[in-house]
Amino acid sequence: MKRFVFYNPTQIVFGENQTKNIGRYFENKKCLFLYGGGSIKHNGIYDKVVESLKKYNVSFVEKSGVKPNPVLSFVYEAVEFAKKENIDCILAVGGGSVIDSAKAIAAGFYYDGDVWDFFIDKAQIRKALPIYVVLTLAATASEMNSGAVITNEKTKQKFNTRADALFPKISILDPTNTYTVPKNQVANGSVDAIVHLLEGYFTKNYLNTPIQDGFVETLVKTIISSTNQILEEPQNYDARANFMWSATLALNGLTTAGIGAYAFPTHMIGHSLSALYDIAHGSTLSIVFPAWLKYNKDSLSQRLERFGKEVFDVDDQTQAIEKLEGFFASIGAPTKLKDVELSQKDIEAVAQNAVSLAKKWGLNDYTEEKIAGILKFAL
């Protein structure tokens, strides 16, 4: 095992009926209540949150309208609003898009420059507003990590930033809050969580990591089984709970601690698909990840054989890829570029866009030619 420091200060409050307690964690404060398109007003979550805020004497101002691929223009607007209202903290009620937006707003609150500076490595986040979360969509693990991803609509860049100050203070994970999540969003969340786990699993060079491999394989199997259960029984509490906690563990630092260097090349390519064509994040990964595995099949033969055996009970590396791609397709996730109305003619633009993020992430061997070569496996 490689040397590592594991740090994660987020407190998780897990279980049914925990939403009603959110206000107690920032009693007597003033918060920015941030959410997305308004589904929380239809499924009862909004009312539960407001009741809790009032109970604990939390004053609040609302800001809605976070998009599934959160955008920089919204962050700019919300930062100015937050400063004007002189808030003490941010309450993010939603999934990764809402939480990532909250993180960007929290960082921008104390910064006099352009918040995009944090995403292009022009400035470092030294201070941020406290962030509290009520999770309504399991997928990204943003509720328990320090990262945020935002799309700059003008430059067509979907970039990330991270800082210890961006770890949420408290995240409430109530599986019942996900009962009404649509099937396509369940599928996208499932893919996202699985690929979070498997990018480190397949890109690391140091293989003497039985603990981490066991974590990943068990979590992937749990996500697959719970996803299938959820699609059949949307209000199956145990399935929702297992899915929610697995997705959180998939990117909170636990499964990659001690594995040494690893990378997120398919996220890099997927971000370009989202930035250029506004495709849902999970959908970009269900297209790119199987293609990436096929492109690298020979160099990944040992890992693919283990993965196939442990997760799908198959011995052949080609079968391992087919099983994973087949699962994605079975839950309604796109697996080919044509599934999102793209074709060969779009590959060049995606490859050109992805190179800038590849450089930012230190993936210097990911040239336009290599990225295009990977995407050709998704035709």
Protein backbone atom coordinates (compact mmCIF):
# COMPACT_ATOMS: atom_id res chain seq x y z
CA MET A 1 0.00 0.00 0.00
CA LYS A 2 1.24 3.47 -0.86
CA ARG A 3 1.61 6.24 1.71
CA PHE A 4 -1.50 8.38 2.11
CA VAL A 5 -3.32 10.92 4.24
CA PHE A 6 -7.06 10.39 4.48
CA TYR A 7 -8.98 13.49 5.49
CA ASN A 8 -12.73 13.88 5.34
CA PRO A 9 -14.40 16.15 7.91
CA THR A 10 -17.97 15.91 6.58
CA GLN A 11 -20.46 14.61 9.13
CA ILE A 12 -23.02 12.26 7.59
CA VAL A 13 -26.49 12.02 9.14
CA PHE A 14 -28.08 8.98 7.51
CA GLY A 15 -31.60 7.62 7.68
CA GLU A 16 -35.31 8.15 7.40
CA ASN A 17 -36.86 11.33 8.83
CA GLN A 18 -33.50 13.09 9.28
CA THR A 19 -34.43 15.98 6.98
CA LYS A 20 -36.50 17.53 9.75
CA ASN A 21 -33.32 18.07 11.77
CA ILE A 22 -31.31 20.07 9.24
CA GLY A 23 -32.03 23.43 10.86
CA ARG A 24 -30.47 22.45 14.19
CA TYR A 25 -26.98 22.45 12.65
CA PHE A 26 -27.01 26.19 11.89
CA GLU A 27 -29.55 27.43 14.41
CA ASN A 28 -30.13 31.21 14.50
CA LYS A 29 -28.07 31.76 11.32
CA LYS A 30 -29.02 33.22 7.95
CA CYS A 31 -28.65 30.86 5.02
CA LEU A 32 -28.94 30.80 1.26
CA PHE A 33 -31.41 28.01 0.47
CA LEU A 34 -30.23 26.67 -2.89
CA TYR A 35 -32.08 24.16 -5.07
CA GLY A 36 -32.72 23.19 -8.68
CA GLY A 37 -35.79 23.20 -10.88
CA GLY A 38 -38.41 22.95 -8.17
CA SER A 39 -39.09 19.22 -7.90
CA ILE A 40 -38.58 19.51 -4.13
CA LYS A 41 -41.77 21.57 -4.00
CA HIS A 42 -43.74 18.70 -5.51
CA ASN A 43 -42.34 15.79 -3.48
CA GLY A 44 -42.63 17.35 -0.02
CA ILE A 45 -38.93 17.90 0.67
CA TYR A 46 -39.19 21.68 0.40
CA ASP A 47 -41.88 21.82 3.08
CA LYS A 48 -39.86 19.60 5.42
CA VAL A 49 -36.79 21.79 5.03
CA VAL A 50 -38.67 25.05 5.55
CA GLU A 51 -40.40 23.65 8.63
CA SER A 52 -37.02 22.71 10.11
CA LEU A 53 -35.49 26.10 9.32
CA LYS A 54 -38.36 27.89 11.02
CA LYS A 55 -38.24 25.55 14.01
CA TYR A 56 -34.58 26.38 14.61
CA ASN A 57 -34.94 30.10 13.95
CA VAL A 58 -32.92 30.03 10.73
CA SER A 59 -33.65 32.98 8.47
CA PHE A 60 -33.19 32.21 4.80
CA VAL A 61 -33.30 33.54 1.28
CA GLU A 62 -33.97 31.25 -1.66
CA LYS A 63 -32.18 30.80 -4.96
CA SER A 64 -33.50 28.21 -7.38
CA GLY A 65 -32.75 27.28 -10.97
CA VAL A 66 -29.55 25.23 -10.78
CA LYS A 67 -29.21 23.30 -14.05
CA PRO A 68 -28.25 19.59 -14.30
CA ASN A 69 -24.91 20.72 -15.77
CA PRO A 70 -24.39 23.74 -13.46
CA VAL A 71 -23.22 26.89 -15.20
CA LEU A 72 -20.91 29.75 -14.32
CA SER A 73 -23.42 32.51 -15.10
CA PHE A 74 -25.72 31.18 -12.37
CA VAL A 75 -22.80 31.10 -9.92
CA TYR A 76 -21.94 34.73 -10.68
CA GLU A 77 -25.53 35.77 -10.10
CA ALA A 78 -25.82 33.77 -6.87
CA VAL A 79 -22.53 35.10 -5.46
CA GLU A 80 -23.75 38.68 -5.85
CA PHE A 81 -27.10 37.76 -4.32
CA ALA A 82 -25.39 36.03 -1.36
CA LYS A 83 -23.15 39.04 -0.72
CA LYS A 84 -26.09 41.42 -0.90
CA GLU A 85 -28.04 39.32 1.60
CA ASN A 86 -25.00 38.92 3.87
CA ILE A 87 -25.65 35.25 4.54
CA ASP A 88 -23.83 33.05 7.06
CA CYS A 89 -24.00 29.71 5.25
CA ILE A 90 -25.45 27.82 2.30
CA LEU A 91 -28.00 25.01 2.42
CA ALA A 92 -27.88 22.91 -0.75
CA VAL A 93 -30.98 20.76 -1.24
CA GLY A 94 -30.49 18.58 -4.29
CA GLY A 95 -27.91 16.42 -6.02
CA GLY A 96 -24.39 17.03 -7.24
CA SER A 97 -25.27 19.98 -9.46
CA VAL A 98 -26.81 21.91 -6.59
CA ILE A 99 -24.01 20.99 -4.19
CA ASP A 100 -21.28 21.88 -6.69
CA SER A 101 -22.97 25.23 -7.32
CA ALA A 102 -23.13 25.80 -3.57
CA LYS A 103 -19.40 25.15 -3.31
CA ALA A 104 -18.59 27.62 -6.07
CA ILE A 105 -20.84 30.24 -4.48
CA ALA A 106 -19.32 29.58 -1.06
CA ALA A 107 -15.82 30.14 -2.47
CA GLY A 108 -16.83 33.22 -4.42
CA PHE A 109 -18.43 34.87 -1.40
CA TYR A 110 -15.07 35.80 0.12
CA TYR A 111 -13.24 36.44 -3.15
CA ASP A 112 -13.03 39.82 -4.86
CA GLY A 113 -11.92 38.40 -8.19
CA ASP A 114 -13.58 36.15 -10.75
CA VAL A 115 -14.72 32.86 -9.18
CA TRP A 116 -13.68 31.12 -12.41
CA ASP A 117 -10.09 31.80 -11.30
CA PHE A 118 -10.45 28.84 -8.95
CA PHE A 119 -11.35 26.54 -11.84
CA ILE A 120 -8.45 27.55 -14.10
CA ASP A 121 -5.89 27.37 -11.28
CA LYS A 122 -5.36 31.13 -11.26
CA ALA A 123 -6.24 31.36 -7.56
CA GLN A 124 -6.60 29.04 -4.57
CA ILE A 125 -9.61 28.81 -2.29
CA ARG A 126 -8.56 29.95 1.16
CA LYS A 127 -11.95 30.54 2.72
CA ALA A 128 -15.54 29.58 1.96
CA LEU A 129 -18.96 29.82 3.53
CA PRO A 130 -20.07 26.74 5.51
CA ILE A 131 -22.10 24.34 3.36
CA TYR A 132 -24.91 22.09 4.57
CA VAL A 133 -26.62 19.48 2.41
CA VAL A 134 -29.90 17.63 2.13
CA LEU A 135 -29.21 15.08 -0.58
CA THR A 136 -32.06 14.30 -2.97
CA LEU A 137 -30.16 12.54 -5.77
CA ALA A 138 -27.46 9.92 -5.16
CA ALA A 139 -24.67 9.99 -7.73
CA THR A 140 -21.70 12.32 -7.42
CA ALA A 141 -20.60 12.05 -3.76
CA SER A 142 -20.26 15.84 -3.72
CA GLU A 143 -22.05 15.63 -0.38
CA MET A 144 -18.88 14.12 1.11
CA ASN A 145 -15.98 15.49 -0.90
CA SER A 146 -14.20 18.77 -1.56
CA GLY A 147 -14.67 18.98 -5.32
CA ALA A 148 -16.95 21.02 -7.56
CA VAL A 149 -17.49 21.03 -11.32
CA ILE A 150 -18.91 24.03 -13.19
CA THR A 151 -19.41 24.74 -16.90
CA ASN A 152 -18.30 28.05 -18.38
CA GLU A 153 -20.86 28.56 -21.12
CA LYS A 154 -18.80 31.22 -22.94
CA THR A 155 -15.59 29.21 -23.23
CA LYS A 156 -17.31 25.80 -23.45
CA GLN A 157 -15.14 24.49 -20.61
CA LYS A 158 -16.41 22.14 -17.91
CA PHE A 159 -13.71 22.39 -15.24
CA ASN A 160 -13.31 21.38 -11.61
CA THR A 161 -11.85 22.83 -8.46
CA ARG A 162 -11.30 21.49 -4.97
CA ALA A 163 -10.30 22.74 -1.54
CA ASP A 164 -10.61 21.58 2.05
CA ALA A 165 -12.86 24.58 2.71
CA LEU A 166 -15.44 23.08 0.33
CA PHE A 167 -16.16 19.92 2.31
CA PRO A 168 -19.79 20.18 3.47
CA LYS A 169 -20.11 20.49 7.24
CA ILE A 170 -23.19 18.27 7.52
CA SER A 171 -24.87 16.15 4.88
CA ILE A 172 -28.25 14.56 5.50
CA LEU A 173 -28.74 11.35 3.54
CA ASP A 174 -32.36 10.26 3.81
CA PRO A 175 -33.07 7.49 1.28
CA THR A 176 -36.79 8.35 1.25
CA ASN A 177 -35.89 11.70 -0.32
CA THR A 178 -34.91 9.78 -3.47
CA TYR A 179 -38.14 7.79 -3.88
CA THR A 180 -39.41 10.05 -6.67
CA VAL A 181 -36.17 10.34 -8.65
CA PRO A 182 -37.01 9.52 -12.31
CA LYS A 183 -35.63 6.33 -13.83
CA ASN A 184 -33.30 8.14 -16.22
CA GLN A 185 -31.72 10.02 -13.32
CA VAL A 186 -31.37 6.79 -11.35
CA ALA A 187 -29.54 5.34 -14.36
CA ASN A 188 -27.26 8.37 -14.70
CA GLY A 189 -26.47 8.29 -10.99
CA SER A 190 -25.70 4.59 -11.13
CA VAL A 191 -23.29 5.03 -14.03
CA ASP A 192 -21.59 8.01 -12.41
CA ALA A 193 -20.99 6.18 -9.13
CA ILE A 194 -19.71 3.05 -10.89
CA VAL A 195 -17.28 5.00 -13.06
CA HIS A 196 -16.06 6.97 -10.04
CA LEU A 197 -15.07 3.63 -8.57
CA LEU A 198 -13.64 2.05 -11.70
CA GLU A 199 -11.47 4.86 -13.03
CA GLY A 200 -9.10 4.53 -10.08
CA TYR A 201 -9.39 0.73 -10.21
CA PHE A 202 -8.27 0.61 -13.84
CA THR A 203 -5.84 3.54 -14.10
CA LYS A 204 -3.62 2.87 -11.10
CA ASN A 205 -0.25 1.22 -11.71
CA TYR A 206 0.25 -0.17 -8.20
CA LEU A 207 -1.78 -3.36 -7.89
CA ASN A 208 -1.02 -4.64 -4.38
CA THR A 209 -4.18 -3.09 -2.99
CA PRO A 210 -6.52 -5.90 -1.88
CA ILE A 211 -8.47 -3.70 0.54
CA GLN A 212 -9.20 -1.01 -2.01
CA ASP A 213 -9.97 -3.54 -4.76
CA GLY A 214 -12.39 -5.29 -2.43
CA PHE A 215 -14.08 -1.98 -1.60
CA VAL A 216 -14.52 -1.14 -5.28
CA GLU A 217 -15.77 -4.55 -6.37
CA THR A 218 -18.28 -4.81 -3.53
CA LEU A 219 -19.57 -1.29 -4.09
CA VAL A 220 -19.95 -1.85 -7.85
CA LYS A 221 -21.89 -5.06 -7.25
CA THR A 222 -24.07 -3.30 -4.68
CA ILE A 223 -24.79 -0.41 -7.04
CA ILE A 224 -25.73 -2.81 -9.84
CA SER A 225 -28.07 -4.89 -7.68
CA SER A 226 -29.66 -1.91 -5.92
CA THR A 227 -30.15 -0.07 -9.22
CA ASN A 228 -32.05 -3.03 -10.61
CA GLN A 229 -34.16 -3.19 -7.45
CA ILE A 230 -34.92 0.54 -7.55
CA LEU A 231 -36.06 0.42 -11.16
CA GLU A 232 -38.49 -2.37 -10.22
CA GLU A 233 -39.49 -1.01 -6.80
CA PRO A 234 -38.89 2.76 -6.57
CA GLN A 235 -39.88 2.87 -2.89
CA ASN A 236 -37.73 -0.03 -1.72
CA TYR A 237 -36.02 1.61 1.26
CA ASP A 238 -33.11 -0.82 1.55
CA ALA A 239 -32.32 -0.58 -2.16
CA ARG A 240 -32.37 3.21 -2.01
CA ALA A 241 -30.25 3.20 1.14
CA ASN A 242 -27.64 0.83 -0.27
CA PHE A 243 -27.49 2.82 -3.49
CA MET A 244 -27.20 6.16 -1.71
CA TRP A 245 -24.41 5.13 0.65
CA SER A 246 -22.50 3.30 -2.10
CA ALA A 247 -22.58 6.39 -4.31
CA THR A 248 -21.26 8.52 -1.45
CA LEU A 249 -18.44 6.09 -0.69
CA ALA A 250 -17.52 5.94 -4.37
CA LEU A 251 -15.86 9.36 -4.35
CA ASN A 252 -15.19 10.39 -0.76
CA GLY A 253 -11.51 9.41 -0.89
CA LEU A 254 -11.81 6.06 0.85
CA THR A 255 -11.45 3.71 -2.13
CA THR A 256 -8.43 5.54 -3.56
CA ALA A 257 -6.50 6.03 -0.32
CA GLY A 258 -3.26 4.06 -0.65
CA ILE A 259 -3.49 3.14 -4.33
CA GLY A 260 -0.93 5.68 -5.54
CA ALA A 261 -1.35 7.64 -8.75
CA TYR A 262 -4.60 7.29 -10.67
CA ALA A 263 -6.57 9.34 -13.19
CA PHE A 264 -10.03 10.19 -14.51
CA PRO A 265 -9.60 10.12 -18.31
CA THR A 266 -13.19 9.20 -19.10
CA HIS A 267 -14.49 11.98 -16.88
CA MET A 268 -12.18 14.31 -18.79
CA ILE A 269 -13.70 13.29 -22.13
CA GLY A 270 -17.20 13.19 -20.66
CA HIS A 271 -16.87 16.77 -19.42
CA SER A 272 -16.24 17.90 -22.99
CA LEU A 273 -19.36 16.11 -24.21
CA SER A 274 -21.36 17.90 -21.52
CA ALA A 275 -19.73 21.28 -22.17
CA LEU A 276 -20.32 21.14 -25.92
CA TYR A 277 -23.69 19.38 -26.14
CA ASP A 278 -25.20 19.69 -22.64
CA ILE A 279 -25.45 15.91 -22.28
CA ALA A 280 -26.16 14.58 -18.77
CA HIS A 281 -22.94 13.71 -16.98
CA GLY A 282 -23.86 10.07 -16.35
CA SER A 283 -24.82 9.62 -19.98
CA THR A 284 -21.42 10.83 -21.15
CA LEU A 285 -19.74 8.25 -18.92
CA SER A 286 -21.90 5.33 -20.05
CA ILE A 287 -20.77 6.16 -23.59
CA VAL A 288 -17.10 6.90 -22.97
CA PHE A 289 -16.12 4.39 -20.28
CA PRO A 290 -16.84 1.18 -22.25
CA ALA A 291 -15.09 2.77 -25.25
CA TRP A 292 -12.08 3.60 -23.09
CA LEU A 293 -11.94 0.01 -21.81
CA LYS A 294 -12.04 -1.35 -25.37
CA TYR A 295 -9.31 1.05 -26.49
CA ASN A 296 -7.07 -0.04 -23.58
CA LYS A 297 -8.14 -3.70 -23.45
CA ASP A 298 -4.68 -5.17 -24.06
CA SER A 299 -2.89 -3.08 -21.44
CA LEU A 300 -5.70 -3.68 -18.93
CA SER A 301 -5.98 -7.44 -19.46
CA GLN A 302 -4.98 -8.39 -15.90
CA ARG A 303 -7.36 -5.90 -14.29
CA LEU A 304 -10.20 -6.75 -16.65
CA GLU A 305 -9.88 -10.44 -15.88
CA ARG A 306 -10.05 -9.79 -12.15
CA PHE A 307 -12.92 -7.35 -12.55
CA GLY A 308 -14.88 -9.75 -14.73
CA LYS A 309 -14.41 -12.62 -12.30
CA GLU A 310 -15.17 -10.70 -9.10
CA VAL A 311 -18.09 -8.59 -10.34
CA PHE A 312 -19.71 -10.57 -13.16
CA ASP A 313 -18.34 -14.10 -12.65
CA VAL A 314 -16.81 -14.25 -16.14
CA ASP A 315 -13.20 -15.07 -17.02
CA ASP A 316 -12.80 -13.36 -20.37
CA GLN A 317 -11.81 -9.68 -20.53
CA THR A 318 -14.02 -9.01 -23.54
CA GLN A 319 -16.96 -10.50 -21.67
CA ALA A 320 -16.19 -8.26 -18.69
CA ILE A 321 -16.52 -5.16 -20.87
CA GLU A 322 -19.65 -6.52 -22.55
CA LYS A 323 -21.26 -7.26 -19.18
CA LEU A 324 -20.65 -3.72 -17.92
CA GLU A 325 -21.81 -2.12 -21.15
CA GLY A 326 -24.80 -4.45 -21.17
CA PHE A 327 -25.75 -3.35 -17.67
CA PHE A 328 -25.58 0.31 -18.71
CA ALA A 329 -27.83 -0.41 -21.69
CA SER A 330 -30.26 -2.48 -19.59
CA ILE A 331 -30.99 0.46 -17.28
CA GLY A 332 -31.58 2.82 -20.18
CA ALA A 333 -28.21 4.57 -20.27
CA PRO A 334 -26.78 5.44 -23.70
CA THR A 335 -23.70 3.45 -24.72
CA LYS A 336 -23.02 4.84 -28.19
CA LEU A 337 -22.61 8.36 -29.56
CA LYS A 338 -25.60 7.80 -31.82
CA ASP A 339 -27.75 7.33 -28.70
CA VAL A 340 -27.26 11.05 -27.97
CA GLU A 341 -27.52 12.06 -31.63
CA LEU A 342 -23.77 12.43 -32.21
CA SER A 343 -21.64 10.78 -34.87
CA GLN A 344 -18.16 10.53 -36.40
CA LYS A 345 -18.29 14.18 -37.46
CA ASP A 346 -18.52 15.34 -33.83
CA ILE A 347 -15.46 13.47 -32.58
CA GLU A 348 -12.91 16.08 -33.68
CA ALA A 349 -14.65 18.88 -31.78
CA VAL A 350 -14.85 16.79 -28.60
CA ALA A 351 -11.19 15.79 -28.86
CA GLN A 352 -10.10 19.40 -29.36
CA ASN A 353 -12.15 20.56 -26.39
CA ALA A 354 -10.94 17.76 -24.11
CA VAL A 355 -7.23 18.46 -24.60
CA SER A 356 -7.29 21.60 -22.44
CA LEU A 357 -8.76 19.69 -19.51
CA ALA A 358 -6.31 16.84 -20.12
CA LYS A 359 -3.45 19.31 -19.68
CA LYS A 360 -5.05 20.76 -16.53
CA TRP A 361 -5.28 17.27 -15.05
CA GLY A 362 -1.77 16.27 -16.11
CA LEU A 363 -2.99 13.71 -18.64
CA ASN A 364 -0.39 14.81 -21.16
CA ASP A 365 -0.50 11.60 -23.18
CA TYR A 366 -4.15 12.28 -24.04
CA THR A 367 -3.67 13.99 -27.37
CA GLU A 368 -6.45 14.87 -29.78
CA GLU A 369 -5.58 11.75 -31.74
CA LYS A 370 -5.79 9.48 -28.70
CA ILE A 371 -9.08 10.95 -27.53
CA ALA A 372 -10.52 10.60 -31.02
CA GLY A 373 -9.31 7.00 -31.10
CA ILE A 374 -11.17 6.25 -27.87
CA LEU A 375 -14.38 7.86 -29.10
CA LYS A 376 -14.31 5.80 -32.29
CA PHE A 377 -15.04 2.77 -30.11
CA ALA A 378 -18.32 4.48 -29.19
CA LEU A 379 -19.57 4.72 -32.77
